[in-house]
Amino acid sequence: MAEKHLVVQGATCLCNFGTAPDKLKVLTHKREFANDKDSGKKLIASNKDIGSTLEKNTFGNCAKQLMKPCTAIITEWTGFYEKTTLTNGGKILLEDSKATCPVGGKDCILIIDHGQTAELSKQTMQRAKPAVSKALNPAVDLEELTQPQFNDAGNTEKAITNPQV
């Protein structure tokens, strides 16, 4: 089975009958985060995130309503991860989860971007494969960045220093 990303606050959704995407807002809890080292922005989305849970609550004009403006209301999610339950009692949404709208029908709303972004950290650098890193960015030597630096006395120093002005 291919790896699927969890959906987080800020994920981009689009209705099959709309003309513009909208971003998902997580309003059902304030406790569980993903892909967010500071735990402040990327709340995990769940199947409990229903109703008016988008930033603008519209997908532009709706083809089902003779091109009248859409009023996005999510009534149900499908395709969520069943094996984990969040503190709000919800199941985690995955990047291939779909939502139902009373106008568009079952599974008419798709997630086109899960909302996660890569954040560089010390742990990420330690896990990176040097050959892949060299191919992606030949100007940076990953091994040099992750090895401790020694001064003339044999003591370790930080690899990157902040010069004082």
Protein backbone atom coordinates (compact mmCIF):
# COMPACT_ATOMS: atom_id res chain seq x y z
CA MET A 1 0.00 0.00 0.00
CA ALA A 2 1.33 3.44 -0.92
CA GLU A 3 1.99 5.97 1.81
CA LYS A 4 -0.81 8.48 2.30
CA HIS A 5 -0.45 11.84 3.97
CA LEU A 6 -2.62 13.00 6.85
CA VAL A 7 -4.74 16.05 6.11
CA VAL A 8 -4.02 19.12 8.22
CA GLN A 9 -5.42 22.63 8.64
CA GLY A 10 -4.81 24.59 5.46
CA ALA A 11 -5.38 21.62 3.14
CA THR A 12 -6.78 22.67 -0.23
CA CYS A 13 -10.17 21.26 -1.23
CA LEU A 14 -12.09 21.53 -4.50
CA CYS A 15 -15.64 20.60 -5.44
CA ASN A 16 -16.26 18.78 -8.73
CA PHE A 17 -18.92 21.41 -9.52
CA GLY A 18 -17.09 24.51 -8.27
CA THR A 19 -14.75 26.91 -10.00
CA ALA A 20 -12.25 27.72 -7.22
CA PRO A 21 -10.55 25.82 -4.37
CA ASP A 22 -10.89 26.65 -0.67
CA LYS A 23 -8.77 25.82 2.38
CA LEU A 24 -9.89 23.52 5.19
CA LYS A 25 -10.16 24.87 8.75
CA VAL A 26 -10.05 22.48 11.70
CA LEU A 27 -12.58 23.72 14.24
CA THR A 28 -13.27 20.55 16.24
CA HIS A 29 -10.16 20.42 18.44
CA LYS A 30 -6.98 22.28 19.45
CA ARG A 31 -4.79 19.38 20.60
CA GLU A 32 -3.37 17.12 17.87
CA PHE A 33 -0.86 18.43 15.35
CA ALA A 34 1.08 16.93 12.44
CA ASN A 35 4.06 18.22 10.48
CA ASP A 36 4.42 21.17 12.80
CA LYS A 37 7.48 21.23 15.05
CA ASP A 38 6.12 24.17 17.09
CA SER A 39 2.61 22.64 17.46
CA GLY A 40 0.72 25.76 16.60
CA LYS A 41 -0.56 25.70 13.03
CA LYS A 42 -1.13 22.26 11.53
CA LEU A 43 -4.06 20.72 13.40
CA ILE A 44 -4.98 17.23 12.15
CA ALA A 45 -8.29 17.18 10.26
CA SER A 46 -10.91 14.54 11.09
CA ASN A 47 -14.27 13.29 9.91
CA LYS A 48 -15.80 15.46 12.66
CA ASP A 49 -14.84 18.58 10.67
CA ILE A 50 -18.21 19.10 9.03
CA GLY A 51 -20.47 22.07 8.39
CA SER A 52 -18.93 25.41 7.40
CA THR A 53 -15.35 24.32 7.91
CA LEU A 54 -13.60 26.10 5.04
CA GLU A 55 -11.87 29.51 5.09
CA LYS A 56 -14.19 31.20 2.56
CA ASN A 57 -16.95 28.56 2.63
CA THR A 58 -17.27 28.71 -1.15
CA PHE A 59 -15.91 26.94 -4.20
CA GLY A 60 -16.79 29.84 -6.49
CA ASN A 61 -19.75 29.36 -8.83
CA CYS A 62 -21.65 26.06 -8.62
CA ALA A 63 -22.48 24.22 -11.87
CA LYS A 64 -25.30 22.38 -10.06
CA GLN A 65 -27.05 25.69 -9.23
CA LEU A 66 -26.91 27.27 -12.69
CA MET A 67 -23.61 29.00 -11.89
CA LYS A 68 -24.87 30.70 -8.72
CA PRO A 69 -22.31 31.23 -5.95
CA CYS A 70 -21.56 28.10 -3.94
CA THR A 71 -22.14 27.98 -0.21
CA ALA A 72 -19.89 25.11 0.84
CA ILE A 73 -21.26 22.94 3.62
CA ILE A 74 -19.66 19.57 4.34
CA THR A 75 -22.14 17.00 5.64
CA GLU A 76 -19.94 13.88 5.69
CA TRP A 77 -16.40 12.60 5.05
CA THR A 78 -15.47 9.22 3.54
CA GLY A 79 -12.14 7.46 3.12
CA PHE A 80 -10.70 8.41 6.50
CA TYR A 81 -8.22 6.36 8.58
CA GLU A 82 -10.24 4.00 10.80
CA LYS A 83 -7.45 2.75 13.09
CA THR A 84 -6.82 5.96 15.05
CA THR A 85 -9.25 8.11 17.00
CA LEU A 86 -8.43 11.70 17.95
CA THR A 87 -9.45 13.24 21.28
CA ASN A 88 -12.53 14.75 19.62
CA GLY A 89 -13.72 11.23 18.71
CA GLY A 90 -12.94 11.80 15.03
CA LYS A 91 -11.04 9.64 12.57
CA ILE A 92 -8.06 11.15 10.71
CA LEU A 93 -8.64 12.40 7.16
CA LEU A 94 -6.23 11.18 4.47
CA GLU A 95 -5.24 12.89 1.24
CA ASP A 96 -7.68 10.68 -0.71
CA SER A 97 -10.63 11.31 1.66
CA LYS A 98 -13.72 12.87 0.07
CA ALA A 99 -16.55 15.01 1.39
CA THR A 100 -20.27 15.23 0.68
CA CYS A 101 -22.16 18.44 -0.02
CA PRO A 102 -25.98 18.61 0.03
CA VAL A 103 -25.98 20.23 -3.44
CA GLY A 104 -23.13 18.39 -5.18
CA GLY A 105 -23.83 14.98 -3.67
CA LYS A 106 -21.72 12.20 -2.21
CA ASP A 107 -17.93 12.51 -2.50
CA CYS A 108 -18.05 15.64 -4.69
CA ILE A 109 -15.40 17.48 -2.65
CA LEU A 110 -11.79 16.32 -3.13
CA ILE A 111 -8.60 17.15 -1.27
CA ILE A 112 -6.13 18.44 -3.84
CA ASP A 113 -3.34 19.26 -1.36
CA HIS A 114 -3.02 17.66 2.11
CA GLY A 115 -1.59 20.84 3.66
CA GLN A 116 1.64 19.41 5.02
CA THR A 117 4.96 21.00 4.15
CA ALA A 118 8.46 19.71 4.69
CA GLU A 119 10.30 21.38 7.56
CA LEU A 120 14.04 21.03 7.83
CA SER A 121 15.23 19.90 11.24
CA LYS A 122 18.31 18.29 12.77
CA GLN A 123 16.55 14.90 12.74
CA THR A 124 15.67 15.29 9.04
CA MET A 125 19.31 16.05 8.21
CA GLN A 126 20.49 12.98 10.13
CA ARG A 127 18.05 10.69 8.29
CA ALA A 128 18.78 12.10 4.82
CA LYS A 129 20.65 9.90 2.35
CA PRO A 130 23.84 11.68 1.22
CA ALA A 131 23.60 10.42 -2.39
CA VAL A 132 20.03 11.71 -2.79
CA SER A 133 20.90 15.02 -1.14
CA LYS A 134 23.92 15.46 -3.44
CA ALA A 135 21.76 14.78 -6.51
CA LEU A 136 19.10 17.28 -5.41
CA ASN A 137 21.49 19.97 -4.22
CA PRO A 138 25.09 19.45 -5.36
CA ALA A 139 26.22 22.74 -3.75
CA VAL A 140 25.65 21.39 -0.20
CA ASP A 141 27.72 18.60 1.33
CA LEU A 142 25.31 16.82 3.71
CA GLU A 143 28.10 14.88 5.46
CA GLU A 144 29.92 18.11 6.23
CA LEU A 145 26.78 19.64 7.75
CA THR A 146 26.02 16.68 10.00
CA GLN A 147 29.55 15.97 11.28
CA PRO A 148 30.76 17.71 14.45
CA GLN A 149 33.38 20.41 13.88
CA PHE A 150 36.64 20.39 15.88
CA ASN A 151 38.80 23.37 16.80
CA ASP A 152 42.60 23.34 17.15
CA ALA A 153 42.35 22.19 20.78
CA GLY A 154 40.30 19.11 19.76
CA ASN A 155 37.05 20.41 21.26
CA THR A 156 33.81 20.27 19.31
CA GLU A 157 32.24 23.46 18.00
CA LYS A 158 28.96 24.23 16.34
CA ALA A 159 29.19 23.80 12.58
CA ILE A 160 27.38 27.09 12.01
CA THR A 161 28.33 30.05 14.14
CA ASN A 162 26.58 33.36 14.50
CA PRO A 163 29.05 36.22 14.10
CA GLN A 164 28.59 39.02 16.57
CA VAL A 165 28.09 42.47 15.12
